[in-house]
Amino acid sequence: MTFTTAQKDMNVLLDDEFKKKGWDCQPNVTEDKVTGIKADYKKARVQVEVQFGNMARWYTDVFKFQSAIRWA
């Protein structure tokens, strides 16, 4: 059995739902804006990262959380 995810469609759906609830979509992780690193969603001091199974990229999400703590 093969399960596929239309990642672009899921991103649009997630963006719409998070926006409806007052979340910022793709905000900068740090205030300096030099790195250009963006979170997926953020509201106040809560940050959400969404990953669709690309385990090779997990470290970037961890790095985003670590960077955001410094600027919280």
N, C-alpha and C. Protein backbone atom coordinates (compact mmCIF):
# COMPACT_ATOMS: atom_id res chain seq x y z
N MET A 1 0.85 -1.18 0.00
CA MET A 1 0.00 0.00 0.00
C MET A 1 0.90 1.25 0.00
N THR A 2 0.62 2.16 -0.89
CA THR A 2 1.39 3.40 -0.99
C THR A 2 0.54 4.56 -0.52
N PHE A 3 1.13 5.36 0.35
CA PHE A 3 0.44 6.56 0.85
C PHE A 3 1.24 7.76 0.38
N THR A 4 0.62 8.63 -0.36
CA THR A 4 1.29 9.84 -0.82
C THR A 4 0.62 11.06 -0.21
N THR A 5 1.41 12.08 -0.02
CA THR A 5 0.92 13.33 0.54
C THR A 5 1.19 14.44 -0.45
N ALA A 6 0.17 15.18 -0.81
CA ALA A 6 0.34 16.34 -1.68
C ALA A 6 0.82 17.47 -0.77
N GLN A 7 2.13 17.56 -0.63
CA GLN A 7 2.72 18.48 0.34
C GLN A 7 2.32 19.93 0.09
N LYS A 8 2.28 20.36 -1.14
CA LYS A 8 1.89 21.75 -1.43
C LYS A 8 0.46 22.02 -0.99
N ASP A 9 -0.43 21.06 -1.24
CA ASP A 9 -1.82 21.22 -0.82
C ASP A 9 -1.93 21.23 0.71
N MET A 10 -1.16 20.38 1.36
CA MET A 10 -1.16 20.35 2.83
C MET A 10 -0.64 21.67 3.39
N ASN A 11 0.41 22.23 2.77
CA ASN A 11 0.95 23.51 3.23
C ASN A 11 -0.10 24.61 3.13
N VAL A 12 -0.84 24.66 2.03
CA VAL A 12 -1.88 25.66 1.86
C VAL A 12 -2.96 25.49 2.93
N LEU A 13 -3.38 24.26 3.14
CA LEU A 13 -4.40 23.98 4.15
C LEU A 13 -3.92 24.38 5.55
N LEU A 14 -2.69 24.00 5.89
CA LEU A 14 -2.15 24.35 7.20
C LEU A 14 -2.01 25.86 7.36
N ASP A 15 -1.51 26.55 6.34
CA ASP A 15 -1.40 28.01 6.39
C ASP A 15 -2.76 28.65 6.67
N ASP A 16 -3.76 28.21 5.93
CA ASP A 16 -5.11 28.77 6.10
C ASP A 16 -5.64 28.55 7.52
N GLU A 17 -5.46 27.34 8.03
CA GLU A 17 -5.99 27.02 9.36
C GLU A 17 -5.23 27.76 10.46
N PHE A 18 -3.91 27.84 10.35
CA PHE A 18 -3.14 28.57 11.36
C PHE A 18 -3.48 30.07 11.31
N LYS A 19 -3.61 30.63 10.12
CA LYS A 19 -3.95 32.06 9.99
C LYS A 19 -5.31 32.35 10.62
N LYS A 20 -6.28 31.47 10.42
CA LYS A 20 -7.61 31.66 11.01
C LYS A 20 -7.55 31.77 12.52
N LYS A 21 -6.56 31.11 13.11
CA LYS A 21 -6.44 31.10 14.57
C LYS A 21 -5.42 32.12 15.08
N GLY A 22 -5.01 33.04 14.20
CA GLY A 22 -4.16 34.15 14.62
C GLY A 22 -2.67 33.88 14.68
N TRP A 23 -2.21 32.82 14.04
CA TRP A 23 -0.78 32.49 14.03
C TRP A 23 -0.09 33.25 12.90
N ASP A 24 1.19 33.57 13.09
CA ASP A 24 2.02 34.13 12.03
C ASP A 24 2.56 32.96 11.20
N CYS A 25 2.51 33.10 9.89
CA CYS A 25 3.02 32.07 9.00
C CYS A 25 4.38 32.48 8.44
N GLN A 26 5.34 31.60 8.54
CA GLN A 26 6.71 31.79 8.08
C GLN A 26 7.36 33.06 8.65
N PRO A 27 7.28 33.25 9.97
CA PRO A 27 7.96 34.41 10.58
C PRO A 27 9.46 34.15 10.68
N ASN A 28 10.23 35.22 10.74
CA ASN A 28 11.67 35.08 10.96
C ASN A 28 11.90 34.46 12.33
N VAL A 29 12.90 33.60 12.42
CA VAL A 29 13.22 32.94 13.68
C VAL A 29 13.98 33.89 14.60
N THR A 30 14.85 34.71 14.02
CA THR A 30 15.64 35.64 14.82
C THR A 30 15.31 37.08 14.41
N GLU A 31 15.59 38.00 15.30
CA GLU A 31 15.31 39.40 15.01
C GLU A 31 16.31 40.02 14.05
N ASP A 32 17.51 39.44 13.96
CA ASP A 32 18.54 40.06 13.13
C ASP A 32 18.28 39.94 11.63
N LYS A 33 17.50 38.99 11.22
CA LYS A 33 17.10 38.78 9.82
C LYS A 33 18.29 38.52 8.89
N VAL A 34 19.47 38.36 9.42
CA VAL A 34 20.65 38.09 8.60
C VAL A 34 20.60 36.66 8.06
N THR A 35 20.17 35.73 8.89
CA THR A 35 20.18 34.33 8.49
C THR A 35 19.07 34.00 7.50
N GLY A 36 17.96 34.70 7.59
CA GLY A 36 16.82 34.40 6.73
C GLY A 36 16.08 33.13 7.12
N ILE A 37 16.38 32.60 8.30
CA ILE A 37 15.73 31.37 8.75
C ILE A 37 14.31 31.70 9.22
N LYS A 38 13.37 30.93 8.72
CA LYS A 38 11.97 31.16 9.05
C LYS A 38 11.38 29.93 9.73
N ALA A 39 10.49 30.19 10.68
CA ALA A 39 9.72 29.11 11.31
C ALA A 39 8.53 28.81 10.40
N ASP A 40 7.84 27.74 10.68
CA ASP A 40 6.61 27.48 9.92
C ASP A 40 5.47 28.32 10.47
N TYR A 41 5.29 28.28 11.79
CA TYR A 41 4.21 29.03 12.42
C TYR A 41 4.67 29.50 13.80
N LYS A 42 4.17 30.68 14.20
CA LYS A 42 4.52 31.19 15.52
C LYS A 42 3.38 32.05 16.05
N LYS A 43 3.12 31.89 17.35
CA LYS A 43 2.12 32.70 18.02
C LYS A 43 2.65 32.97 19.41
N ALA A 44 2.88 34.23 19.70
CA ALA A 44 3.50 34.63 20.97
C ALA A 44 4.84 33.90 21.10
N ARG A 45 4.99 33.09 22.14
CA ARG A 45 6.27 32.38 22.35
C ARG A 45 6.21 30.92 21.93
N VAL A 46 5.18 30.54 21.19
CA VAL A 46 5.04 29.15 20.74
C VAL A 46 5.37 29.08 19.25
N GLN A 47 6.26 28.16 18.91
CA GLN A 47 6.68 27.98 17.52
C GLN A 47 6.36 26.56 17.09
N VAL A 48 5.86 26.41 15.86
CA VAL A 48 5.52 25.09 15.32
C VAL A 48 6.30 24.86 14.03
N GLU A 49 6.88 23.68 13.92
CA GLU A 49 7.55 23.26 12.70
C GLU A 49 6.82 22.04 12.17
N VAL A 50 6.55 22.01 10.89
CA VAL A 50 5.85 20.88 10.26
C VAL A 50 6.83 20.17 9.34
N GLN A 51 6.91 18.84 9.48
CA GLN A 51 7.81 18.05 8.66
C GLN A 51 7.02 16.90 8.05
N PHE A 52 7.19 16.70 6.76
CA PHE A 52 6.47 15.65 6.06
C PHE A 52 7.33 14.41 5.83
N GLY A 53 8.14 14.05 6.82
CA GLY A 53 8.87 12.80 6.75
C GLY A 53 10.25 12.86 6.14
N ASN A 54 10.78 14.05 5.88
CA ASN A 54 12.13 14.16 5.34
C ASN A 54 13.10 14.20 6.52
N MET A 55 13.50 13.04 6.97
CA MET A 55 14.34 12.93 8.16
C MET A 55 15.72 13.55 7.95
N ALA A 56 16.13 13.74 6.72
CA ALA A 56 17.42 14.37 6.46
C ALA A 56 17.40 15.85 6.85
N ARG A 57 16.22 16.41 7.06
CA ARG A 57 16.09 17.83 7.38
C ARG A 57 15.72 18.10 8.84
N TRP A 58 15.63 17.08 9.66
CA TRP A 58 15.20 17.26 11.04
C TRP A 58 16.09 18.23 11.80
N TYR A 59 17.38 18.22 11.49
CA TYR A 59 18.32 19.06 12.23
C TYR A 59 18.03 20.55 12.02
N THR A 60 17.50 20.93 10.86
CA THR A 60 17.20 22.36 10.65
C THR A 60 16.06 22.82 11.56
N ASP A 61 15.09 21.95 11.80
CA ASP A 61 14.00 22.30 12.71
C ASP A 61 14.52 22.45 14.13
N VAL A 62 15.41 21.57 14.55
CA VAL A 62 16.00 21.67 15.88
C VAL A 62 16.79 22.97 15.99
N PHE A 63 17.56 23.29 14.96
CA PHE A 63 18.34 24.53 14.95
C PHE A 63 17.43 25.75 15.06
N LYS A 64 16.29 25.72 14.38
CA LYS A 64 15.34 26.84 14.43
C LYS A 64 14.85 27.05 15.87
N PHE A 65 14.53 25.96 16.55
CA PHE A 65 14.07 26.08 17.93
C PHE A 65 15.18 26.64 18.82
N GLN A 66 16.39 26.15 18.63
CA GLN A 66 17.51 26.64 19.44
C GLN A 66 17.76 28.12 19.17
N SER A 67 17.68 28.55 17.93
CA SER A 67 17.89 29.95 17.59
C SER A 67 16.78 30.83 18.13
N ALA A 68 15.56 30.33 18.08
CA ALA A 68 14.41 31.11 18.54
C ALA A 68 14.46 31.35 20.04
N ILE A 69 14.98 30.40 20.80
CA ILE A 69 15.06 30.55 22.25
C ILE A 69 15.88 31.78 22.60
N ARG A 70 16.93 32.01 21.86
CA ARG A 70 17.80 33.16 22.12
C ARG A 70 17.05 34.47 21.94
N TRP A 71 16.10 34.51 21.04
CA TRP A 71 15.40 35.75 20.70
C TRP A 71 14.02 35.85 21.35
N ALA A 72 13.66 34.87 22.12
CA ALA A 72 12.32 34.88 22.74
C ALA A 72 12.19 35.96 23.79
